[in-house]
């Protein structure tokens, strides 16, 4: 069962993860978030300013490792401290209108360079949508640090197919919350100063 009236327990989440984690991805274009997104999907690309300097960069990378984009009060990841490693699977939970939804995703790839740090995960069967999402941070030549969130997706659950606009609204809501969580992790009460640097591209 993918829906709960109360936040699912660790036992329930582990059972769901065990049942789904070895299934194949629910979409064919695995890894396409590294380049040009495939046609036929709703797409969004977002970039938010976090700060600058070596300290900000380290905080940003740590925040990615700790799944900080999901630290918003209505989303969670199980296991809580899941390592960012290729082929690791996690249960992503969202509370929408008082109901908790479970979705399993598997990490597709990890990036770790002097200027880029992040990962992408792809959906497994049972997810309300199908597609891929990337969470990462970038550092430019001037030392400015950015949170990058981009994805391509299609509705997969019948309710999401019936009301695709709601899925897109929910995705936009998550993007904004994820950016705020990353900004808080990197620069405390200065996150409001960063909002003017946000860039979002959708189609």
Protein backbone atom coordinates (compact mmCIF):
# COMPACT_ATOMS: atom_id res chain seq x y z
CA UNK A 1 0.00 0.00 0.00
CA UNK A 2 1.51 3.32 -1.06
CA UNK A 3 -0.82 5.61 0.93
CA UNK A 4 -1.03 6.08 4.72
CA UNK A 5 -3.26 8.25 6.86
CA UNK A 6 -0.38 8.55 9.34
CA UNK A 7 3.33 8.88 8.74
CA UNK A 8 4.49 5.33 7.96
CA UNK A 9 6.71 3.59 10.49
CA UNK A 10 10.27 2.47 9.86
CA UNK A 11 9.02 -1.12 9.72
CA UNK A 12 6.47 -0.26 7.04
CA UNK A 13 9.00 1.71 5.04
CA UNK A 14 11.59 -1.03 5.19
CA UNK A 15 9.06 -3.62 4.06
CA UNK A 16 8.03 -1.44 1.12
CA UNK A 17 11.64 -0.75 0.18
CA UNK A 18 12.52 -4.45 0.32
CA UNK A 19 9.58 -5.33 -1.94
CA UNK A 20 10.39 -2.77 -4.64
CA UNK A 21 14.11 -1.90 -4.57
CA UNK A 22 15.28 -4.59 -7.00
CA UNK A 23 12.67 -3.90 -9.65
CA UNK A 24 13.73 -2.18 -12.88
CA UNK A 25 13.34 1.55 -13.39
CA UNK A 26 9.85 2.59 -14.45
CA UNK A 27 11.15 4.68 -17.39
CA UNK A 28 13.53 3.95 -20.26
CA UNK A 29 15.71 7.07 -20.51
CA UNK A 30 17.84 6.29 -17.45
CA UNK A 31 20.67 8.77 -16.93
CA UNK A 32 19.38 11.35 -19.39
CA UNK A 33 19.48 14.10 -16.74
CA UNK A 34 23.21 14.40 -17.41
CA UNK A 35 22.47 16.06 -20.73
CA UNK A 36 19.52 16.80 -23.00
CA UNK A 37 16.22 15.77 -21.44
CA UNK A 38 14.14 13.29 -23.45
CA UNK A 39 11.03 14.59 -25.25
CA UNK A 40 7.55 13.85 -24.01
CA UNK A 41 8.23 14.65 -20.36
CA UNK A 42 7.42 17.64 -18.21
CA UNK A 43 10.80 19.23 -17.54
CA UNK A 44 12.14 21.77 -15.09
CA UNK A 45 15.59 23.14 -14.37
CA UNK A 46 16.28 25.27 -11.31
CA UNK A 47 19.35 27.02 -9.93
CA UNK A 48 19.44 28.84 -6.59
CA UNK A 49 22.24 30.92 -5.10
CA UNK A 50 23.59 29.59 -1.79
CA UNK A 51 26.55 31.82 -0.97
CA UNK A 52 30.23 31.82 -1.74
CA UNK A 53 33.57 30.64 -0.43
CA UNK A 54 35.09 27.38 0.76
CA UNK A 55 32.92 27.13 3.88
CA UNK A 56 29.71 27.50 1.90
CA UNK A 57 30.90 24.87 -0.57
CA UNK A 58 31.58 22.35 2.17
CA UNK A 59 28.24 23.07 3.84
CA UNK A 60 26.47 22.65 0.51
CA UNK A 61 28.07 19.27 -0.16
CA UNK A 62 27.28 18.09 3.35
CA UNK A 63 23.67 19.19 2.90
CA UNK A 64 23.40 17.05 -0.24
CA UNK A 65 24.88 14.07 1.62
CA UNK A 66 22.30 14.55 4.37
CA UNK A 67 19.33 14.77 1.96
CA UNK A 68 18.72 18.34 3.12
CA UNK A 69 16.37 19.20 0.19
CA UNK A 70 13.80 16.93 1.86
CA UNK A 71 14.02 18.64 5.25
CA UNK A 72 10.82 20.67 5.00
CA UNK A 73 8.35 19.10 7.44
CA UNK A 74 6.21 17.34 4.83
CA UNK A 75 8.79 15.21 3.01
CA UNK A 76 11.22 12.58 4.22
CA UNK A 77 13.68 9.98 3.02
CA UNK A 78 14.14 6.45 4.35
CA UNK A 79 16.67 5.28 5.40
CA UNK A 80 17.35 8.65 7.00
CA UNK A 81 21.13 8.51 6.49
CA UNK A 82 21.10 6.62 3.21
CA UNK A 83 24.55 6.84 1.56
CA UNK A 84 24.70 8.70 -1.73
CA UNK A 85 25.88 5.75 -3.81
CA UNK A 86 24.91 4.39 -7.21
CA UNK A 87 22.23 1.67 -7.03
CA UNK A 88 21.16 2.61 -3.50
CA UNK A 89 17.37 2.81 -3.21
CA UNK A 90 15.34 5.00 -0.87
CA UNK A 91 11.71 5.55 0.02
CA UNK A 92 10.66 9.16 -0.49
CA UNK A 93 7.55 10.15 1.44
CA UNK A 94 5.37 13.22 0.94
CA UNK A 95 2.43 14.42 3.00
CA UNK A 96 -0.26 15.88 0.78
CA UNK A 97 -3.62 16.97 2.22
CA UNK A 98 -2.88 15.02 5.40
CA UNK A 99 -2.11 11.76 3.59
CA UNK A 100 1.38 10.23 3.32
CA UNK A 101 2.51 8.83 -0.04
CA UNK A 102 5.42 6.39 -0.43
CA UNK A 103 7.62 6.34 -3.53
CA UNK A 104 10.78 4.32 -4.13
CA UNK A 105 13.69 5.70 -6.16
CA UNK A 106 17.15 4.37 -7.01
CA UNK A 107 20.29 6.45 -7.38
CA UNK A 108 21.36 6.46 -11.03
CA UNK A 109 24.67 8.32 -10.88
CA UNK A 110 26.83 10.47 -8.60
CA UNK A 111 28.92 13.51 -9.60
CA UNK A 112 31.92 14.63 -7.55
CA UNK A 113 34.35 17.15 -9.03
CA UNK A 114 35.98 20.38 -7.86
CA UNK A 115 32.97 22.34 -9.12
CA UNK A 116 30.05 19.86 -9.10
CA UNK A 117 28.65 17.59 -6.43
CA UNK A 118 25.37 15.74 -6.55
CA UNK A 119 23.34 12.77 -7.67
CA UNK A 120 20.27 11.75 -9.63
CA UNK A 121 17.69 9.17 -8.75
CA UNK A 122 15.12 7.47 -10.95
CA UNK A 123 11.66 6.18 -10.19
CA UNK A 124 10.79 2.54 -9.56
CA UNK A 125 7.36 0.90 -10.05
CA UNK A 126 4.69 2.21 -7.70
CA UNK A 127 5.90 5.82 -7.84
CA UNK A 128 3.17 8.36 -8.61
CA UNK A 129 5.32 9.57 -11.50
CA UNK A 130 8.06 8.19 -13.70
CA UNK A 131 11.29 9.91 -14.59
CA UNK A 132 14.50 11.22 -13.10
CA UNK A 133 15.53 14.01 -10.74
CA UNK A 134 18.94 15.52 -10.04
CA UNK A 135 20.02 17.22 -6.80
CA UNK A 136 23.38 18.92 -6.73
CA UNK A 137 25.53 21.92 -5.98
CA UNK A 138 27.85 23.82 -8.28
CA UNK A 139 30.69 26.26 -7.68
CA UNK A 140 31.69 28.77 -10.35
CA UNK A 141 35.07 30.36 -10.95
CA UNK A 142 34.24 33.25 -8.63
CA UNK A 143 33.53 30.88 -5.74
CA UNK A 144 29.76 31.38 -5.83
CA UNK A 145 27.80 28.27 -4.85
CA UNK A 146 24.50 27.19 -6.35
CA UNK A 147 21.88 24.57 -5.63
CA UNK A 148 20.75 22.80 -8.80
CA UNK A 149 17.53 20.79 -9.05
CA UNK A 150 16.33 19.50 -12.38
CA UNK A 151 13.98 16.75 -13.48
CA UNK A 152 11.92 15.22 -16.22
CA UNK A 153 8.78 13.29 -15.35
CA UNK A 154 5.41 11.97 -16.45
CA UNK A 155 2.45 11.02 -14.24
CA UNK A 156 2.23 7.27 -13.66
CA UNK A 157 -0.40 6.83 -10.94
CA UNK A 158 -3.94 7.03 -12.31
CA UNK A 159 -4.80 10.02 -10.11
CA UNK A 160 -1.70 11.87 -11.32
CA UNK A 161 -2.62 11.10 -14.93
CA UNK A 162 -6.13 12.39 -14.33
CA UNK A 163 -4.88 15.64 -12.74
CA UNK A 164 -1.38 16.27 -14.20
CA UNK A 165 -1.56 19.94 -13.25
CA UNK A 166 -1.62 18.91 -9.59
CA UNK A 167 1.55 16.85 -9.98
CA UNK A 168 3.28 19.83 -11.58
CA UNK A 169 2.06 22.10 -8.77
CA UNK A 170 3.39 19.67 -6.19
CA UNK A 171 6.73 19.50 -7.97
CA UNK A 172 6.98 23.29 -7.95
CA UNK A 173 6.12 23.35 -4.27
CA UNK A 174 8.87 20.85 -3.56
CA UNK A 175 11.43 22.81 -5.60
CA UNK A 176 10.78 25.95 -3.57
CA UNK A 177 10.95 24.08 -0.26
CA UNK A 178 14.12 22.23 -1.29
CA UNK A 179 15.84 25.49 -2.21
CA UNK A 180 14.90 27.07 1.10
CA UNK A 181 16.20 24.06 3.02
CA UNK A 182 19.51 24.19 1.18
CA UNK A 183 19.85 27.93 1.72
CA UNK A 184 19.17 27.51 5.43
CA UNK A 185 21.79 24.78 5.64
CA UNK A 186 24.41 26.94 3.93
CA UNK A 187 23.88 30.42 5.31
CA UNK A 188 21.36 30.49 8.13
CA UNK A 189 19.17 33.56 8.28
CA UNK A 190 20.72 35.03 5.12
CA UNK A 191 18.69 32.76 2.84
CA UNK A 192 16.28 35.54 1.98
CA UNK A 193 19.11 37.47 0.39
CA UNK A 194 19.66 34.57 -1.95
CA UNK A 195 16.15 34.38 -3.32
CA UNK A 196 16.77 37.17 -5.80
CA UNK A 197 19.41 35.00 -7.49
CA UNK A 198 17.05 32.07 -8.14
CA UNK A 199 16.63 30.94 -11.72
CA UNK A 200 13.94 28.53 -12.88
CA UNK A 201 13.35 27.16 -16.34
CA UNK A 202 10.39 24.97 -17.22
CA UNK A 203 8.71 23.53 -20.26
